[in-house]
N, C-alpha and C. Protein backbone atom coordinates (compact mmCIF):
# COMPACT_ATOMS: atom_id res chain seq x y z
N UNK A 1 -131.10 -61.11 78.09
CA UNK A 1 -130.78 -61.74 76.83
C UNK A 1 -131.82 -62.80 76.48
N UNK A 2 -132.16 -63.65 77.45
CA UNK A 2 -133.15 -64.68 77.17
C UNK A 2 -134.54 -64.09 76.94
N UNK A 3 -134.85 -62.97 77.60
CA UNK A 3 -136.14 -62.32 77.38
C UNK A 3 -136.23 -61.81 75.95
N UNK A 4 -135.14 -61.25 75.45
CA UNK A 4 -135.12 -60.76 74.07
C UNK A 4 -135.23 -61.93 73.09
N UNK A 5 -134.52 -63.01 73.36
CA UNK A 5 -134.60 -64.20 72.51
C UNK A 5 -136.02 -64.76 72.51
N UNK A 6 -136.64 -64.79 73.67
CA UNK A 6 -138.01 -65.28 73.78
C UNK A 6 -138.96 -64.41 72.96
N UNK A 7 -138.80 -63.10 73.04
CA UNK A 7 -139.64 -62.18 72.28
C UNK A 7 -139.45 -62.36 70.78
N UNK A 8 -138.21 -62.50 70.34
CA UNK A 8 -137.92 -62.69 68.92
C UNK A 8 -138.52 -64.00 68.43
N UNK A 9 -138.35 -65.07 69.20
CA UNK A 9 -138.89 -66.37 68.82
C UNK A 9 -140.41 -66.33 68.74
N UNK A 10 -141.06 -65.72 69.74
CA UNK A 10 -142.52 -65.62 69.74
C UNK A 10 -143.01 -64.82 68.54
N UNK A 11 -142.38 -63.68 68.28
CA UNK A 11 -142.78 -62.84 67.15
C UNK A 11 -142.55 -63.54 65.82
N UNK A 12 -141.45 -64.27 65.71
CA UNK A 12 -141.14 -64.98 64.47
C UNK A 12 -142.17 -66.07 64.19
N UNK A 13 -142.51 -66.83 65.21
CA UNK A 13 -143.51 -67.90 65.03
C UNK A 13 -144.87 -67.29 64.70
N UNK A 14 -145.24 -66.23 65.39
CA UNK A 14 -146.53 -65.59 65.13
C UNK A 14 -146.58 -64.96 63.73
N UNK A 15 -145.45 -64.48 63.23
CA UNK A 15 -145.42 -63.88 61.89
C UNK A 15 -145.66 -64.93 60.81
N UNK A 16 -145.45 -66.20 61.13
CA UNK A 16 -145.71 -67.28 60.18
C UNK A 16 -147.18 -67.69 60.16
N UNK A 17 -147.98 -67.08 61.02
CA UNK A 17 -149.41 -67.36 61.04
C UNK A 17 -149.83 -68.30 62.15
N UNK A 18 -148.92 -68.65 63.03
CA UNK A 18 -149.25 -69.51 64.15
C UNK A 18 -149.55 -68.65 65.37
N UNK A 19 -150.35 -69.16 66.27
CA UNK A 19 -150.63 -68.45 67.51
C UNK A 19 -149.76 -69.06 68.60
N UNK A 20 -148.65 -68.42 68.87
CA UNK A 20 -147.66 -68.96 69.80
C UNK A 20 -147.64 -68.14 71.08
N UNK A 21 -147.73 -68.82 72.20
CA UNK A 21 -147.66 -68.13 73.48
C UNK A 21 -146.20 -68.03 73.92
N UNK A 22 -145.95 -67.16 74.88
CA UNK A 22 -144.59 -67.03 75.41
C UNK A 22 -144.14 -68.32 76.09
N UNK A 23 -145.07 -69.03 76.71
CA UNK A 23 -144.71 -70.28 77.38
C UNK A 23 -144.20 -71.31 76.37
N UNK A 24 -144.82 -71.37 75.19
CA UNK A 24 -144.36 -72.29 74.16
C UNK A 24 -142.97 -71.90 73.67
N UNK A 25 -142.72 -70.60 73.55
CA UNK A 25 -141.39 -70.13 73.15
C UNK A 25 -140.34 -70.50 74.19
N UNK A 26 -140.67 -70.34 75.46
CA UNK A 26 -139.72 -70.71 76.52
C UNK A 26 -139.43 -72.21 76.48
N UNK A 27 -140.46 -73.01 76.25
CA UNK A 27 -140.28 -74.46 76.15
C UNK A 27 -139.36 -74.79 74.97
N UNK A 28 -139.57 -74.12 73.83
CA UNK A 28 -138.74 -74.37 72.65
C UNK A 28 -137.29 -74.00 72.92
N UNK A 29 -137.06 -72.92 73.66
CA UNK A 29 -135.69 -72.52 73.99
C UNK A 29 -135.01 -73.58 74.83
N UNK A 30 -135.69 -74.10 75.82
CA UNK A 30 -135.11 -75.12 76.69
C UNK A 30 -134.79 -76.37 75.89
N UNK A 31 -135.71 -76.76 75.03
CA UNK A 31 -135.51 -77.97 74.23
C UNK A 31 -134.36 -77.80 73.24
N UNK A 32 -134.08 -76.58 72.81
CA UNK A 32 -132.99 -76.31 71.88
C UNK A 32 -131.66 -76.14 72.60
N UNK A 33 -131.66 -75.39 73.69
CA UNK A 33 -130.40 -75.07 74.38
C UNK A 33 -129.83 -76.26 75.15
N UNK A 34 -130.67 -77.15 75.66
CA UNK A 34 -130.17 -78.28 76.44
C UNK A 34 -129.27 -79.20 75.62
N UNK A 35 -129.66 -79.64 74.42
CA UNK A 35 -128.73 -80.47 73.63
C UNK A 35 -127.46 -79.73 73.23
N UNK A 36 -127.58 -78.43 72.95
CA UNK A 36 -126.39 -77.65 72.58
C UNK A 36 -125.40 -77.62 73.74
N UNK A 37 -125.89 -77.41 74.96
CA UNK A 37 -125.00 -77.38 76.12
C UNK A 37 -124.40 -78.75 76.38
N UNK A 38 -125.17 -79.81 76.15
CA UNK A 38 -124.67 -81.17 76.35
C UNK A 38 -123.56 -81.48 75.35
N UNK A 39 -123.78 -81.13 74.08
CA UNK A 39 -122.76 -81.35 73.05
C UNK A 39 -121.52 -80.53 73.34
N UNK A 40 -121.70 -79.29 73.78
CA UNK A 40 -120.56 -78.41 74.12
C UNK A 40 -119.74 -79.03 75.25
N UNK A 41 -120.41 -79.49 76.30
CA UNK A 41 -119.69 -80.07 77.43
C UNK A 41 -118.93 -81.33 77.01
N UNK A 42 -119.56 -82.17 76.19
CA UNK A 42 -118.90 -83.39 75.74
C UNK A 42 -117.69 -83.07 74.87
N UNK A 43 -117.83 -82.10 73.95
CA UNK A 43 -116.70 -81.75 73.08
C UNK A 43 -115.56 -81.13 73.88
N UNK A 44 -115.89 -80.36 74.92
CA UNK A 44 -114.84 -79.80 75.77
C UNK A 44 -114.10 -80.91 76.51
N UNK A 45 -114.85 -81.90 76.96
CA UNK A 45 -114.23 -83.02 77.68
C UNK A 45 -113.29 -83.80 76.76
N UNK A 46 -113.76 -84.09 75.54
CA UNK A 46 -112.96 -84.88 74.60
C UNK A 46 -111.74 -84.10 74.13
N UNK A 47 -111.93 -82.82 73.78
CA UNK A 47 -110.82 -82.04 73.25
C UNK A 47 -109.92 -81.46 74.32
N UNK A 48 -110.43 -81.34 75.54
CA UNK A 48 -109.66 -80.74 76.62
C UNK A 48 -109.57 -79.23 76.52
N UNK A 49 -110.41 -78.65 75.64
CA UNK A 49 -110.41 -77.20 75.44
C UNK A 49 -111.72 -76.65 75.96
N UNK A 50 -111.62 -75.64 76.82
CA UNK A 50 -112.82 -75.00 77.34
C UNK A 50 -113.25 -73.89 76.40
N UNK A 51 -114.46 -73.98 75.88
CA UNK A 51 -114.99 -72.95 74.97
C UNK A 51 -116.04 -72.15 75.69
N UNK A 52 -115.91 -70.84 75.65
CA UNK A 52 -116.87 -69.98 76.34
C UNK A 52 -117.77 -69.23 75.37
N UNK A 53 -117.74 -69.61 74.09
CA UNK A 53 -118.49 -68.87 73.10
C UNK A 53 -119.95 -69.30 73.00
N UNK A 54 -120.29 -70.48 73.45
CA UNK A 54 -121.68 -70.96 73.35
C UNK A 54 -122.35 -70.79 74.69
């Protein structure tokens, strides 16, 4: 799943005219997914509801 996401992200950035390497795409994924997971964990703690959709 992450390999497919990485490929899509790399191709999307390159289609905009930028020269993007796979390493840059992986870095962007980590920078995006880390805050999302942090927010998810905090909201689960506050609400007491475990969400498995993210």
